[in-house]
Amino acid sequence: MATFTPLLDILADVPDPRRAEGKLYKLPHVLLFSILAIVSGSDSYRGIVTFIDTHRRTLNRSFGLKWRRAPSHTSIRYILQGLDPIGVEAVFRRHAALLHAANTRPGAGSIALDGKTLRGSFDKFHDRTAAH
C-alpha cells in the first residue's frame, strides 16, 4: 500500500534483534500492524493478534505478504519487548521530523505531548500503571 511505504521504509531501520532463522514475520510489518491495531483500540498483545488475524487477508493483499496466520501473542510480545528502545525512539523521532517538515508552514510549528509519558508514569511492558 503506497500510503504506508514511507513509514515502512523508516520502520525497516529499527534494529531487529532476532536471529535470521526467527524472522518468519518481517519486523517493519509487525510494527506497522501493531501500530494500526493500537490506533484501532487494541490494548494488549492478544488484541494486536486479533487485529492482524481479522484483517490478515486484506493486509496480505495490500502489502504483498503471504502470511497464512497471524503471529501468536507470545511472538508479538517477544518481538516488541526485544527491540532496543533507543533505536526505536530514534526511528520514530526521524519519522516525526519528516512529518513536521512536510506539514509546516513558514513561521508555524507544532508540538505533540503525552503527559503520562512525559512524567514517566506509564509503562505497559513492565505492568506499571499511570501515576495520578
N, C-alpha and C. Protein backbone atom coordinates (compact mmCIF):
# COMPACT_ATOMS: atom_id res chain seq x y z
N MET A 1 0.85 -1.17 0.00
CA MET A 1 0.00 0.00 0.00
C MET A 1 0.90 1.23 0.00
N ALA A 2 0.77 2.04 -1.01
CA ALA A 2 1.66 3.18 -1.22
C ALA A 2 1.61 4.19 -0.08
N THR A 3 0.46 4.35 0.55
CA THR A 3 0.32 5.31 1.63
C THR A 3 1.27 5.02 2.78
N PHE A 4 1.53 3.76 3.03
CA PHE A 4 2.36 3.37 4.16
C PHE A 4 3.82 3.12 3.77
N THR A 5 4.16 3.26 2.51
CA THR A 5 5.53 2.98 2.07
C THR A 5 6.57 3.81 2.82
N PRO A 6 6.39 5.14 2.98
CA PRO A 6 7.40 5.90 3.73
C PRO A 6 7.57 5.42 5.16
N LEU A 7 6.45 5.09 5.83
CA LEU A 7 6.54 4.61 7.20
C LEU A 7 7.20 3.24 7.26
N LEU A 8 6.86 2.35 6.34
CA LEU A 8 7.51 1.03 6.30
C LEU A 8 9.01 1.17 6.06
N ASP A 9 9.40 2.10 5.19
CA ASP A 9 10.83 2.32 4.94
C ASP A 9 11.55 2.77 6.20
N ILE A 10 10.90 3.64 6.96
CA ILE A 10 11.50 4.11 8.21
C ILE A 10 11.52 2.99 9.25
N LEU A 11 10.44 2.22 9.34
CA LEU A 11 10.38 1.12 10.30
C LEU A 11 11.41 0.03 9.97
N ALA A 12 11.83 -0.05 8.71
CA ALA A 12 12.87 -1.02 8.32
C ALA A 12 14.21 -0.69 8.97
N ASP A 13 14.36 0.55 9.44
CA ASP A 13 15.61 0.95 10.10
C ASP A 13 15.66 0.60 11.57
N VAL A 14 14.56 0.09 12.12
CA VAL A 14 14.57 -0.36 13.52
C VAL A 14 15.41 -1.63 13.58
N PRO A 15 16.42 -1.65 14.45
CA PRO A 15 17.26 -2.85 14.55
C PRO A 15 16.45 -4.07 15.00
N ASP A 16 16.59 -5.16 14.26
CA ASP A 16 15.86 -6.39 14.55
C ASP A 16 16.79 -7.33 15.33
N PRO A 17 16.48 -7.60 16.60
CA PRO A 17 17.37 -8.42 17.43
C PRO A 17 17.23 -9.93 17.19
N ARG A 18 16.27 -10.33 16.37
CA ARG A 18 16.02 -11.76 16.18
C ARG A 18 17.10 -12.39 15.31
N ARG A 19 17.31 -13.69 15.54
CA ARG A 19 18.21 -14.45 14.67
C ARG A 19 17.58 -14.56 13.29
N ALA A 20 18.38 -14.80 12.28
CA ALA A 20 17.88 -14.90 10.91
C ALA A 20 16.82 -16.01 10.79
N GLU A 21 16.99 -17.10 11.54
CA GLU A 21 16.05 -18.21 11.46
C GLU A 21 14.71 -17.85 12.09
N GLY A 22 14.69 -16.84 12.95
CA GLY A 22 13.47 -16.49 13.67
C GLY A 22 12.70 -15.35 13.04
N LYS A 23 12.88 -15.14 11.76
CA LYS A 23 12.24 -13.99 11.11
C LYS A 23 11.16 -14.41 10.12
N LEU A 24 10.21 -15.18 10.59
CA LEU A 24 9.09 -15.58 9.74
C LEU A 24 8.25 -14.35 9.36
N TYR A 25 8.12 -13.42 10.30
CA TYR A 25 7.35 -12.19 10.08
C TYR A 25 8.33 -11.01 10.04
N LYS A 26 8.24 -10.22 8.98
CA LYS A 26 9.15 -9.08 8.81
C LYS A 26 8.85 -8.03 9.87
N LEU A 27 9.91 -7.52 10.49
CA LEU A 27 9.76 -6.56 11.58
C LEU A 27 8.98 -5.31 11.18
N PRO A 28 9.27 -4.67 10.04
CA PRO A 28 8.51 -3.46 9.71
C PRO A 28 7.00 -3.70 9.63
N HIS A 29 6.60 -4.85 9.12
CA HIS A 29 5.18 -5.16 9.02
C HIS A 29 4.59 -5.45 10.40
N VAL A 30 5.32 -6.16 11.23
CA VAL A 30 4.83 -6.42 12.59
C VAL A 30 4.64 -5.10 13.32
N LEU A 31 5.60 -4.19 13.18
CA LEU A 31 5.49 -2.89 13.84
C LEU A 31 4.32 -2.08 13.30
N LEU A 32 4.20 -2.02 11.98
CA LEU A 32 3.11 -1.26 11.38
C LEU A 32 1.75 -1.83 11.78
N PHE A 33 1.61 -3.14 11.71
CA PHE A 33 0.33 -3.75 12.06
C PHE A 33 0.03 -3.58 13.55
N SER A 34 1.06 -3.58 14.38
CA SER A 34 0.87 -3.33 15.81
C SER A 34 0.39 -1.90 16.04
N ILE A 35 0.98 -0.96 15.32
CA ILE A 35 0.56 0.44 15.42
C ILE A 35 -0.89 0.58 14.98
N LEU A 36 -1.23 -0.02 13.84
CA LEU A 36 -2.61 0.05 13.35
C LEU A 36 -3.58 -0.57 14.35
N ALA A 37 -3.19 -1.67 14.96
CA ALA A 37 -4.05 -2.33 15.95
C ALA A 37 -4.27 -1.43 17.16
N ILE A 38 -3.21 -0.81 17.64
CA ILE A 38 -3.32 0.06 18.81
C ILE A 38 -4.17 1.29 18.49
N VAL A 39 -3.96 1.87 17.32
CA VAL A 39 -4.77 3.02 16.91
C VAL A 39 -6.24 2.61 16.78
N SER A 40 -6.48 1.36 16.44
CA SER A 40 -7.85 0.85 16.30
C SER A 40 -8.47 0.41 17.62
N GLY A 41 -7.73 0.56 18.71
CA GLY A 41 -8.30 0.26 20.02
C GLY A 41 -7.73 -0.94 20.74
N SER A 42 -6.83 -1.68 20.14
CA SER A 42 -6.22 -2.83 20.83
C SER A 42 -5.33 -2.32 21.96
N ASP A 43 -5.37 -3.02 23.07
CA ASP A 43 -4.55 -2.60 24.20
C ASP A 43 -3.76 -3.76 24.81
N SER A 44 -3.57 -4.80 24.03
CA SER A 44 -2.81 -5.95 24.52
C SER A 44 -2.18 -6.68 23.34
N TYR A 45 -1.28 -7.60 23.65
CA TYR A 45 -0.67 -8.41 22.59
C TYR A 45 -1.74 -9.26 21.90
N ARG A 46 -2.66 -9.80 22.67
CA ARG A 46 -3.75 -10.59 22.09
C ARG A 46 -4.63 -9.72 21.19
N GLY A 47 -4.82 -8.46 21.58
CA GLY A 47 -5.59 -7.54 20.75
C GLY A 47 -4.92 -7.27 19.42
N ILE A 48 -3.59 -7.16 19.45
CA ILE A 48 -2.82 -6.97 18.21
C ILE A 48 -3.00 -8.18 17.31
N VAL A 49 -2.89 -9.36 17.90
CA VAL A 49 -3.06 -10.60 17.13
C VAL A 49 -4.48 -10.69 16.56
N THR A 50 -5.47 -10.32 17.34
CA THR A 50 -6.84 -10.33 16.85
C THR A 50 -7.02 -9.39 15.67
N PHE A 51 -6.43 -8.19 15.77
CA PHE A 51 -6.50 -7.24 14.66
C PHE A 51 -5.86 -7.83 13.40
N ILE A 52 -4.65 -8.38 13.55
CA ILE A 52 -3.94 -8.94 12.39
C ILE A 52 -4.73 -10.12 11.82
N ASP A 53 -5.23 -10.98 12.69
CA ASP A 53 -5.98 -12.15 12.24
C ASP A 53 -7.27 -11.74 11.52
N THR A 54 -7.96 -10.75 12.05
CA THR A 54 -9.20 -10.28 11.45
C THR A 54 -8.96 -9.66 10.07
N HIS A 55 -7.87 -8.94 9.93
CA HIS A 55 -7.59 -8.21 8.68
C HIS A 55 -6.48 -8.85 7.84
N ARG A 56 -6.10 -10.07 8.17
CA ARG A 56 -4.94 -10.70 7.53
C ARG A 56 -5.04 -10.75 6.01
N ARG A 57 -6.16 -11.15 5.48
CA ARG A 57 -6.29 -11.24 4.02
C ARG A 57 -6.12 -9.88 3.36
N THR A 58 -6.73 -8.87 3.94
CA THR A 58 -6.60 -7.51 3.40
C THR A 58 -5.16 -7.01 3.54
N LEU A 59 -4.55 -7.28 4.68
CA LEU A 59 -3.15 -6.87 4.89
C LEU A 59 -2.23 -7.60 3.90
N ASN A 60 -2.44 -8.89 3.73
CA ASN A 60 -1.64 -9.65 2.76
C ASN A 60 -1.76 -9.06 1.36
N ARG A 61 -2.98 -8.81 0.95
CA ARG A 61 -3.22 -8.27 -0.39
C ARG A 61 -2.63 -6.86 -0.54
N SER A 62 -2.83 -6.01 0.46
CA SER A 62 -2.38 -4.63 0.39
C SER A 62 -0.86 -4.48 0.45
N PHE A 63 -0.20 -5.37 1.19
CA PHE A 63 1.25 -5.24 1.38
C PHE A 63 2.05 -6.33 0.69
N GLY A 64 1.40 -7.14 -0.13
CA GLY A 64 2.10 -8.17 -0.87
C GLY A 64 2.70 -9.26 0.01
N LEU A 65 2.02 -9.60 1.07
CA LEU A 65 2.50 -10.62 2.01
C LEU A 65 1.81 -11.95 1.75
N LYS A 66 2.35 -13.01 2.36
CA LYS A 66 1.76 -14.34 2.24
C LYS A 66 1.62 -14.98 3.61
N TRP A 67 1.22 -14.18 4.60
CA TRP A 67 1.05 -14.71 5.95
C TRP A 67 -0.15 -15.65 5.96
N ARG A 68 0.08 -16.90 6.38
CA ARG A 68 -1.01 -17.87 6.47
C ARG A 68 -1.81 -17.72 7.75
N ARG A 69 -1.19 -17.12 8.73
CA ARG A 69 -1.86 -16.86 10.00
C ARG A 69 -1.16 -15.68 10.69
N ALA A 70 -1.84 -15.11 11.64
CA ALA A 70 -1.25 -14.02 12.42
C ALA A 70 -0.20 -14.62 13.36
N PRO A 71 0.82 -13.84 13.70
CA PRO A 71 1.78 -14.33 14.71
C PRO A 71 1.06 -14.54 16.04
N SER A 72 1.56 -15.41 16.86
CA SER A 72 0.95 -15.65 18.17
C SER A 72 1.19 -14.42 19.06
N HIS A 73 0.39 -14.31 20.12
CA HIS A 73 0.60 -13.17 21.01
C HIS A 73 1.96 -13.24 21.70
N THR A 74 2.46 -14.45 21.93
CA THR A 74 3.79 -14.56 22.53
C THR A 74 4.88 -14.13 21.55
N SER A 75 4.66 -14.37 20.25
CA SER A 75 5.61 -13.91 19.24
C SER A 75 5.62 -12.38 19.17
N ILE A 76 4.44 -11.79 19.18
CA ILE A 76 4.35 -10.32 19.17
C ILE A 76 5.05 -9.75 20.39
N ARG A 77 4.80 -10.35 21.56
CA ARG A 77 5.43 -9.90 22.80
C ARG A 77 6.95 -10.03 22.70
N TYR A 78 7.43 -11.17 22.24
CA TYR A 78 8.86 -11.40 22.11
C TYR A 78 9.50 -10.37 21.16
N ILE A 79 8.85 -10.13 20.04
CA ILE A 79 9.39 -9.19 19.05
C ILE A 79 9.43 -7.78 19.64
N LEU A 80 8.32 -7.32 20.19
CA LEU A 80 8.24 -5.94 20.67
C LEU A 80 9.11 -5.71 21.90
N GLN A 81 9.14 -6.65 22.82
CA GLN A 81 9.95 -6.45 24.02
C GLN A 81 11.44 -6.62 23.74
N GLY A 82 11.79 -7.29 22.64
CA GLY A 82 13.20 -7.47 22.31
C GLY A 82 13.83 -6.28 21.60
N LEU A 83 13.01 -5.31 21.22
CA LEU A 83 13.54 -4.15 20.49
C LEU A 83 14.35 -3.24 21.40
N ASP A 84 15.34 -2.60 20.80
CA ASP A 84 16.15 -1.63 21.52
C ASP A 84 15.37 -0.32 21.61
N PRO A 85 15.00 0.12 22.81
CA PRO A 85 14.20 1.34 22.93
C PRO A 85 14.86 2.57 22.32
N ILE A 86 16.15 2.66 22.41
CA ILE A 86 16.86 3.82 21.85
C ILE A 86 16.79 3.81 20.33
N GLY A 87 16.94 2.63 19.74
CA GLY A 87 16.83 2.51 18.28
C GLY A 87 15.43 2.82 17.78
N VAL A 88 14.42 2.35 18.51
CA VAL A 88 13.03 2.61 18.14
C VAL A 88 12.73 4.11 18.27
N GLU A 89 13.19 4.70 19.37
CA GLU A 89 12.95 6.13 19.56
C GLU A 89 13.59 6.96 18.45
N ALA A 90 14.80 6.61 18.07
CA ALA A 90 15.48 7.35 17.01
C ALA A 90 14.70 7.29 15.70
N VAL A 91 14.17 6.12 15.39
CA VAL A 91 13.40 5.96 14.15
C VAL A 91 12.12 6.77 14.21
N PHE A 92 11.42 6.74 15.34
CA PHE A 92 10.17 7.50 15.45
C PHE A 92 10.42 9.00 15.50
N ARG A 93 11.53 9.42 16.08
CA ARG A 93 11.87 10.85 16.05
C ARG A 93 12.15 11.30 14.62
N ARG A 94 12.82 10.47 13.87
CA ARG A 94 13.08 10.81 12.46
C ARG A 94 11.77 10.88 11.68
N HIS A 95 10.88 9.94 11.94
CA HIS A 95 9.57 9.95 11.28
C HIS A 95 8.79 11.22 11.65
N ALA A 96 8.80 11.58 12.93
CA ALA A 96 8.10 12.79 13.37
C ALA A 96 8.70 14.04 12.72
N ALA A 97 10.02 14.08 12.60
CA ALA A 97 10.68 15.22 11.96
C ALA A 97 10.28 15.33 10.49
N LEU A 98 10.19 14.19 9.81
CA LEU A 98 9.76 14.20 8.41
C LEU A 98 8.32 14.67 8.28
N LEU A 99 7.45 14.21 9.16
CA LEU A 99 6.06 14.65 9.14
C LEU A 99 5.96 16.15 9.42
N HIS A 100 6.74 16.59 10.39
CA HIS A 100 6.73 18.01 10.75
C HIS A 100 7.22 18.86 9.58
N ALA A 101 8.30 18.45 8.94
CA ALA A 101 8.84 19.20 7.81
C ALA A 101 7.85 19.24 6.65
N ALA A 102 7.13 18.16 6.44
CA ALA A 102 6.19 18.10 5.32
C ALA A 102 4.93 18.93 5.56
N ASN A 103 4.61 19.20 6.81
CA ASN A 103 3.34 19.88 7.12
C ASN A 103 3.52 21.24 7.78
N THR A 104 4.71 21.77 7.80
CA THR A 104 4.95 23.04 8.47
C THR A 104 4.93 24.19 7.47
N ARG A 105 4.18 25.20 7.84
CA ARG A 105 4.19 26.44 7.07
C ARG A 105 5.27 27.33 7.67
N PRO A 106 5.85 28.20 6.89
CA PRO A 106 6.85 29.13 7.44
C PRO A 106 6.27 29.93 8.61
N GLY A 107 6.99 29.96 9.70
CA GLY A 107 6.56 30.71 10.88
C GLY A 107 5.61 29.95 11.78
N ALA A 108 5.22 28.74 11.41
CA ALA A 108 4.30 27.94 12.23
C ALA A 108 5.01 26.69 12.72
N GLY A 109 4.59 26.17 13.82
CA GLY A 109 5.18 24.95 14.34
C GLY A 109 4.13 24.11 15.03
N SER A 110 4.51 22.96 15.48
CA SER A 110 3.58 22.09 16.19
C SER A 110 4.33 21.30 17.24
N ILE A 111 3.59 20.82 18.21
CA ILE A 111 4.18 20.00 19.26
C ILE A 111 3.12 18.99 19.70
N ALA A 112 3.55 17.78 19.99
CA ALA A 112 2.65 16.74 20.46
C ALA A 112 3.16 16.24 21.80
N LEU A 113 2.28 16.20 22.78
CA LEU A 113 2.66 15.80 24.12
C LEU A 113 1.74 14.71 24.65
N ASP A 114 2.30 13.82 25.40
CA ASP A 114 1.54 12.83 26.14
C ASP A 114 1.99 12.95 27.58
N GLY A 115 1.16 13.52 28.40
CA GLY A 115 1.55 13.83 29.77
C GLY A 115 2.04 12.64 30.57
N LYS A 116 1.37 11.49 30.45
CA LYS A 116 1.79 10.33 31.22
C LYS A 116 3.18 9.87 30.80
N THR A 117 3.45 9.92 29.51
CA THR A 117 4.77 9.53 29.03
C THR A 117 5.83 10.51 29.51
N LEU A 118 5.51 11.79 29.44
CA LEU A 118 6.46 12.80 29.88
C LEU A 118 6.81 12.65 31.35
N ARG A 119 5.83 12.30 32.16
CA ARG A 119 6.08 12.11 33.58
C ARG A 119 6.74 10.76 33.86
N GLY A 120 6.78 9.88 32.85
CA GLY A 120 7.37 8.57 33.05
C GLY A 120 6.55 7.68 33.96
N SER A 121 5.24 7.92 34.01
CA SER A 121 4.42 7.19 34.97
C SER A 121 3.69 6.00 34.37
N PHE A 122 3.85 5.75 33.10
CA PHE A 122 3.10 4.68 32.46
C PHE A 122 4.07 3.76 31.74
N ASP A 123 4.02 2.48 32.07
CA ASP A 123 4.92 1.51 31.46
C ASP A 123 4.18 0.19 31.30
N LYS A 124 3.53 0.00 30.14
CA LYS A 124 2.71 -1.18 29.89
C LYS A 124 3.56 -2.46 29.87
N PHE A 125 4.78 -2.35 29.35
CA PHE A 125 5.61 -3.54 29.24
C PHE A 125 5.99 -4.11 30.61
N HIS A 126 6.15 -3.24 31.59
CA HIS A 126 6.56 -3.70 32.91
C HIS A 126 5.39 -3.69 33.90
N ASP A 127 4.16 -3.66 33.36
CA ASP A 127 2.94 -3.73 34.15
C ASP A 127 2.89 -2.66 35.24
N ARG A 128 3.37 -1.45 34.89
CA ARG A 128 3.30 -0.34 35.82
C ARG A 128 2.22 0.62 35.33
N THR A 129 1.23 0.91 36.16
CA THR A 129 0.14 1.76 35.74
C THR A 129 0.50 3.23 35.90
N ALA A 130 -0.36 4.07 35.38
CA ALA A 130 -0.13 5.52 35.43
C ALA A 130 -0.26 6.03 36.86
N ALA A 131 0.64 6.95 37.20
CA ALA A 131 0.56 7.62 38.49
C ALA A 131 -0.41 8.78 38.39
N HIS A 132 -1.29 8.92 39.35
CA HIS A 132 -2.28 10.00 39.29
C HIS A 132 -1.95 11.06 40.31
